[in-house]
């Protein structure tokens, strides 16, 4: 039986695993260095109103190669699920519903030559603007001179808001309410209570009213309406 001292360096315990990791790392770096096309001036991560508006303005200012990377099947962000108005008055001088506003932004971005890639998740952002992407067709890598992160915001779950207890049936978030009402035309409830008076709470109120749901009350912990 050989002792560790009798083994050659390539046979030493753990060396093979270390060599494999090094080779994999080197291969990844080589692939990243080899990927130079398409080369983008700016890659915008997030295809909501902020990302689309930024891409439009960049193209308007003369930036030639702009790509928007959106993980969902369609760009447009949250307004796609807001079937009520008013959207777009500042940009288009028109009072639009959320889906109309989203489509208008997408069309304008395309008219300015922006490349919108949907169902595309950025799973790694490396130095020098190297982005590793995941798509239904597989993974790929692109390079961009500049990267703009416009991934928006997420609803705060109950735990960070210090709301204890279980989540029984009938309690939902605004995002889930709006997407379900718009996409499936289903009703969660008939007479809900809306907690909060921020703009998003009023958006939930308008969504309910448009869907034939009649909220009973809006509850605010502060002394005045937040919106």
Foldseek 3Di string as FASTA:
>chain_A
DDDQVRDDQCPHPPNVVVVVVVVVVVVVVVQLVPAEPPEAAEEEEAQAPVSLVVLLVCLVVPRAGYEYEAQAPDGHPLQCLQQAWAPDCVPNVDGHGSNVNSVVSVVSSVVSPYHYDYNKDFPDADPQAWTWIQHPVGIDIYGYNYYHYDHDDDDDDVVVVVDDDDDDQLDDDLSVQSNCCVPVVDDSDAEAEAEAQPPSSVSSVVSCVVSNHHYPYYHYPDPDHDD
